[in-house]
Amino acid sequence: MIKFDNITLQVHRQTLFDDATLRISSGEKLVVRGVSGSGKSSLLKCAVGALPLAGGSVRVGDLTLSADTVADIRARIAFIGQEPVLGTENVHDALLLPFHFKAHCENQPSDERVSQLLERLHLPANILDKPCKRISGGEKQRIAILRALLLNKTIFLADEVTSALDPESKIAVMAELFRPEITLLSVSHDPEWIAACDRIIDIENHQLIEFSDRITG
């Protein structure tokens, strides 16, 4: 589903990855760990072409990342960063913005569908009327997740999406992103999130190393 083949990435003259490889199957849930500045968030950005590679390739499904395919790849993926940019004046407009474009205009979500997802993500109905700049970081992340679910995205790149959440909201987010049909590549320091993932990938010496010493009960 997602393949990083022999990637080399340099940011501000610092090598983050050197001939590193990682493959993620459809429906797998992965978490990436590493010290600050090791390249965790940068790996997610590579998957959507936000950072240019010095070598290697990225493949999402049947598409190899390039200038010609980057738009199609981004259309398949939901990227949920630590501070999502919702891009409009109020939350309601932010949710419905993608459905103004030709690719999604025929799939306008019903009010019932929006209400259901708001409830599932522990968001109040009146948040729809609030200016985007007035809601918290955790609320922005959940709105971004909600929008991606409305678009029926099944590939999620999630960067510390539980860091600003209370325990109940964290459980709600995990319930959505750990569904069997979702392919998830994430960055997290949350022990519960890490324990729920199928695989743990550590960044060591510019490589992507699978952590194999997991304790199972």
Protein backbone atom coordinates (compact mmCIF):
# COMPACT_ATOMS: atom_id res chain seq x y z
CA MET A 1 0.00 0.00 0.00
CA ILE A 2 2.78 2.46 0.96
CA LYS A 3 6.39 1.76 0.05
CA PHE A 4 9.47 3.80 0.88
CA ASP A 5 12.19 2.21 -1.22
CA ASN A 6 15.81 3.09 -0.43
CA ILE A 7 14.94 6.69 0.36
CA THR A 8 17.56 9.31 1.12
CA LEU A 9 16.36 12.58 2.62
CA GLN A 10 18.35 15.64 3.57
CA VAL A 11 16.81 18.66 5.29
CA HIS A 12 18.87 21.81 5.89
CA ARG A 13 22.02 19.85 4.96
CA GLN A 14 21.26 17.25 7.63
CA THR A 15 20.78 13.64 6.54
CA LEU A 16 17.62 12.17 8.04
CA PHE A 17 17.36 8.98 5.99
CA ASP A 18 20.09 7.20 4.08
CA ASP A 19 18.95 4.42 1.77
CA ALA A 20 16.08 3.54 4.13
CA THR A 21 13.23 1.18 3.25
CA LEU A 22 9.78 0.64 4.75
CA ARG A 23 6.73 -1.16 3.40
CA ILE A 24 3.22 -0.88 4.82
CA SER A 25 0.46 -3.28 3.83
CA SER A 26 -3.16 -2.32 3.37
CA GLY A 27 -4.92 -2.10 6.72
CA GLU A 28 -1.73 -2.08 8.78
CA LYS A 29 -1.24 0.34 11.66
CA LEU A 30 2.34 1.57 12.13
CA VAL A 31 3.89 4.00 14.57
CA VAL A 32 7.28 5.65 14.07
CA ARG A 33 9.50 6.56 17.02
CA GLY A 34 12.79 8.42 17.31
CA VAL A 35 14.58 11.19 19.10
CA SER A 36 13.66 14.80 18.37
CA GLY A 37 14.87 15.83 14.94
CA SER A 38 15.39 12.27 13.72
CA GLY A 39 12.86 12.61 10.90
CA LYS A 40 9.56 11.21 12.20
CA SER A 41 7.35 13.99 10.85
CA SER A 42 9.55 14.31 7.77
CA LEU A 43 8.83 10.70 6.85
CA LEU A 44 5.11 11.45 6.78
CA LYS A 45 5.73 14.53 4.65
CA CYS A 46 7.76 12.45 2.18
CA ALA A 47 4.72 10.26 1.54
CA VAL A 48 2.78 13.22 0.14
CA GLY A 49 5.68 14.84 -1.69
CA ALA A 50 6.04 17.73 0.74
CA LEU A 51 9.79 17.11 1.07
CA PRO A 52 11.90 16.22 -1.99
CA LEU A 53 13.98 13.06 -1.81
CA ALA A 54 17.68 13.00 -2.64
CA GLY A 55 17.32 9.36 -3.62
CA GLY A 56 14.95 6.40 -3.70
CA SER A 57 11.22 6.40 -4.29
CA VAL A 58 7.82 6.46 -2.61
CA ARG A 59 4.91 4.42 -3.90
CA VAL A 60 1.28 4.64 -2.77
CA GLY A 61 -0.86 1.87 -4.18
CA ASP A 62 -0.18 1.71 -7.90
CA LEU A 63 1.34 5.21 -8.09
CA THR A 64 5.01 6.12 -7.77
CA LEU A 65 5.42 9.60 -6.35
CA SER A 66 6.45 12.16 -8.97
CA ALA A 67 5.50 15.62 -10.18
CA ASP A 68 2.88 13.96 -12.39
CA THR A 69 1.31 11.81 -9.66
CA VAL A 70 1.64 13.93 -6.51
CA ALA A 71 -1.87 15.42 -6.81
CA ASP A 72 -3.47 11.98 -7.21
CA ILE A 73 -1.49 10.60 -4.27
CA ARG A 74 -2.48 13.50 -2.03
CA ALA A 75 -6.10 12.92 -3.01
CA ARG A 76 -5.86 9.38 -1.61
CA ILE A 77 -4.25 10.31 1.70
CA ALA A 78 -5.45 12.11 4.80
CA PHE A 79 -2.55 13.97 6.41
CA ILE A 80 -3.38 14.99 9.99
CA GLY A 81 -0.61 17.19 11.34
CA GLN A 82 -0.08 18.59 14.81
CA GLU A 83 -1.68 21.89 13.80
CA PRO A 84 -4.02 21.29 10.83
CA VAL A 85 -4.77 24.23 8.55
CA LEU A 86 -8.51 24.12 8.00
CA GLY A 87 -8.42 26.95 5.53
CA THR A 88 -11.76 28.70 6.00
CA GLU A 89 -13.53 31.13 8.32
CA ASN A 90 -15.72 28.68 10.24
CA VAL A 91 -15.76 24.97 10.97
CA HIS A 92 -18.88 24.22 8.91
CA ASP A 93 -17.28 25.71 5.79
CA ALA A 94 -14.01 23.88 6.51
CA LEU A 95 -15.81 20.54 6.59
CA LEU A 96 -17.65 21.13 3.34
CA LEU A 97 -14.88 22.90 1.41
CA PRO A 98 -13.67 19.76 -0.47
CA PHE A 99 -17.20 19.10 -1.69
CA HIS A 100 -17.20 22.36 -3.63
CA PHE A 101 -14.69 20.86 -6.06
CA LYS A 102 -15.57 18.73 -9.08
CA ALA A 103 -13.98 15.56 -7.72
CA HIS A 104 -16.31 15.45 -4.71
CA CYS A 105 -19.28 17.66 -5.57
CA GLU A 106 -21.59 14.68 -6.16
CA ASN A 107 -20.77 13.16 -2.75
CA GLN A 108 -22.02 15.96 -0.51
CA PRO A 109 -22.43 14.48 3.00
CA SER A 110 -25.80 14.54 4.68
CA ASP A 111 -26.40 16.52 7.86
CA GLU A 112 -27.06 13.20 9.58
CA ARG A 113 -23.66 11.83 8.56
CA VAL A 114 -21.92 14.96 9.85
CA SER A 115 -23.84 14.79 13.12
CA GLN A 116 -22.96 11.12 13.60
CA LEU A 117 -19.25 11.76 13.14
CA LEU A 118 -19.31 14.79 15.42
CA GLU A 119 -20.78 12.61 18.14
CA ARG A 120 -18.35 9.76 17.53
CA LEU A 121 -15.39 12.13 17.75
CA HIS A 122 -16.71 13.79 20.92
CA LEU A 123 -17.30 17.16 19.28
CA PRO A 124 -20.31 19.36 20.14
CA ALA A 125 -22.77 20.18 17.38
CA ASN A 126 -22.30 23.93 17.94
CA ILE A 127 -18.63 23.71 16.96
CA LEU A 128 -19.81 24.01 13.34
CA ASP A 129 -20.59 27.68 13.90
CA LYS A 130 -17.27 28.57 15.50
CA PRO A 131 -14.43 30.37 13.68
CA CYS A 132 -11.58 27.94 12.96
CA LYS A 133 -9.13 30.24 14.73
CA ARG A 134 -11.15 29.98 17.94
CA ILE A 135 -11.06 26.21 18.39
CA SER A 136 -8.30 24.29 20.13
CA GLY A 137 -5.52 22.30 18.49
CA GLY A 138 -7.14 19.03 19.53
CA GLU A 139 -10.47 20.14 18.07
CA LYS A 140 -8.77 21.12 14.80
CA GLN A 141 -7.22 17.67 14.56
CA ARG A 142 -10.58 15.98 15.13
CA ILE A 143 -12.25 18.23 12.56
CA ALA A 144 -9.52 17.32 10.07
CA ILE A 145 -10.11 13.62 10.82
CA LEU A 146 -13.87 14.10 10.45
CA ARG A 147 -13.41 15.80 7.08
CA ALA A 148 -11.19 12.95 5.88
CA LEU A 149 -13.79 10.40 6.97
CA LEU A 150 -16.49 12.32 5.10
CA LEU A 151 -14.25 11.99 2.03
CA ASN A 152 -13.97 8.22 2.66
CA LYS A 153 -10.20 8.33 3.01
CA THR A 154 -8.65 5.02 4.02
CA ILE A 155 -4.97 6.03 4.22
CA PHE A 156 -4.07 8.23 7.18
CA LEU A 157 -0.78 9.89 8.09
CA ALA A 158 -1.19 11.03 11.69
CA ASP A 159 1.35 13.16 13.56
CA GLU A 160 0.83 13.18 17.35
CA VAL A 161 -2.94 13.40 16.97
CA THR A 162 -3.66 12.47 20.60
CA SER A 163 -1.20 14.82 22.27
CA ALA A 164 -3.81 17.52 22.94
CA LEU A 165 -6.75 15.24 23.74
CA ASP A 166 -8.43 14.22 26.97
CA PRO A 167 -8.69 10.44 27.57
CA GLU A 168 -12.25 10.08 26.25
CA SER A 169 -11.49 12.02 23.06
CA LYS A 170 -8.34 9.95 22.53
CA ILE A 171 -10.36 6.74 22.73
CA ALA A 172 -12.83 8.19 20.20
CA VAL A 173 -10.09 9.11 17.74
CA MET A 174 -8.43 5.72 18.08
CA ALA A 175 -11.75 3.98 17.47
CA GLU A 176 -11.98 5.74 14.08
CA LEU A 177 -8.37 5.43 12.93
CA PHE A 178 -7.85 1.83 14.03
CA ARG A 179 -10.75 0.48 11.98
CA PRO A 180 -9.73 -2.57 9.88
CA GLU A 181 -10.07 -0.74 6.55
CA ILE A 182 -7.73 2.09 7.55
CA THR A 183 -4.05 2.04 6.66
CA LEU A 184 -2.26 4.14 9.28
CA LEU A 185 1.27 5.54 9.41
CA SER A 186 1.67 7.57 12.57
CA VAL A 187 4.02 9.38 14.90
CA SER A 188 3.19 9.15 18.58
CA HIS A 189 4.67 9.04 22.07
CA ASP A 190 1.40 7.81 23.57
CA PRO A 191 1.88 4.34 25.15
CA GLU A 192 -1.70 3.24 24.44
CA TRP A 193 -1.45 4.32 20.80
CA ILE A 194 1.89 2.54 20.39
CA ALA A 195 0.55 -0.64 22.01
CA ALA A 196 -2.43 -0.67 19.63
CA CYS A 197 -0.28 -0.51 16.49
CA ASP A 198 0.63 -3.61 14.50
CA ARG A 199 4.26 -2.56 14.12
CA ILE A 200 6.67 -0.14 15.75
CA ILE A 201 9.35 1.45 13.58
CA ASP A 202 12.35 3.10 15.19
CA ILE A 203 14.55 5.63 13.40
CA GLU A 204 18.15 4.62 14.13
CA ASN A 205 21.29 5.67 12.26
CA HIS A 206 19.16 7.14 9.44
CA GLN A 207 17.40 3.79 8.95
CA LEU A 208 13.84 2.57 9.58
CA ILE A 209 14.19 -0.39 11.94
CA GLU A 210 11.30 -2.57 13.08
CA PHE A 211 11.15 -2.94 16.84
CA SER A 212 10.74 -6.66 17.52
CA ASP A 213 11.05 -6.93 21.31
CA ARG A 214 7.38 -6.40 22.10
CA ILE A 215 5.92 -7.92 25.23
CA THR A 216 2.66 -9.73 24.58
CA GLY A 217 0.21 -10.86 27.24
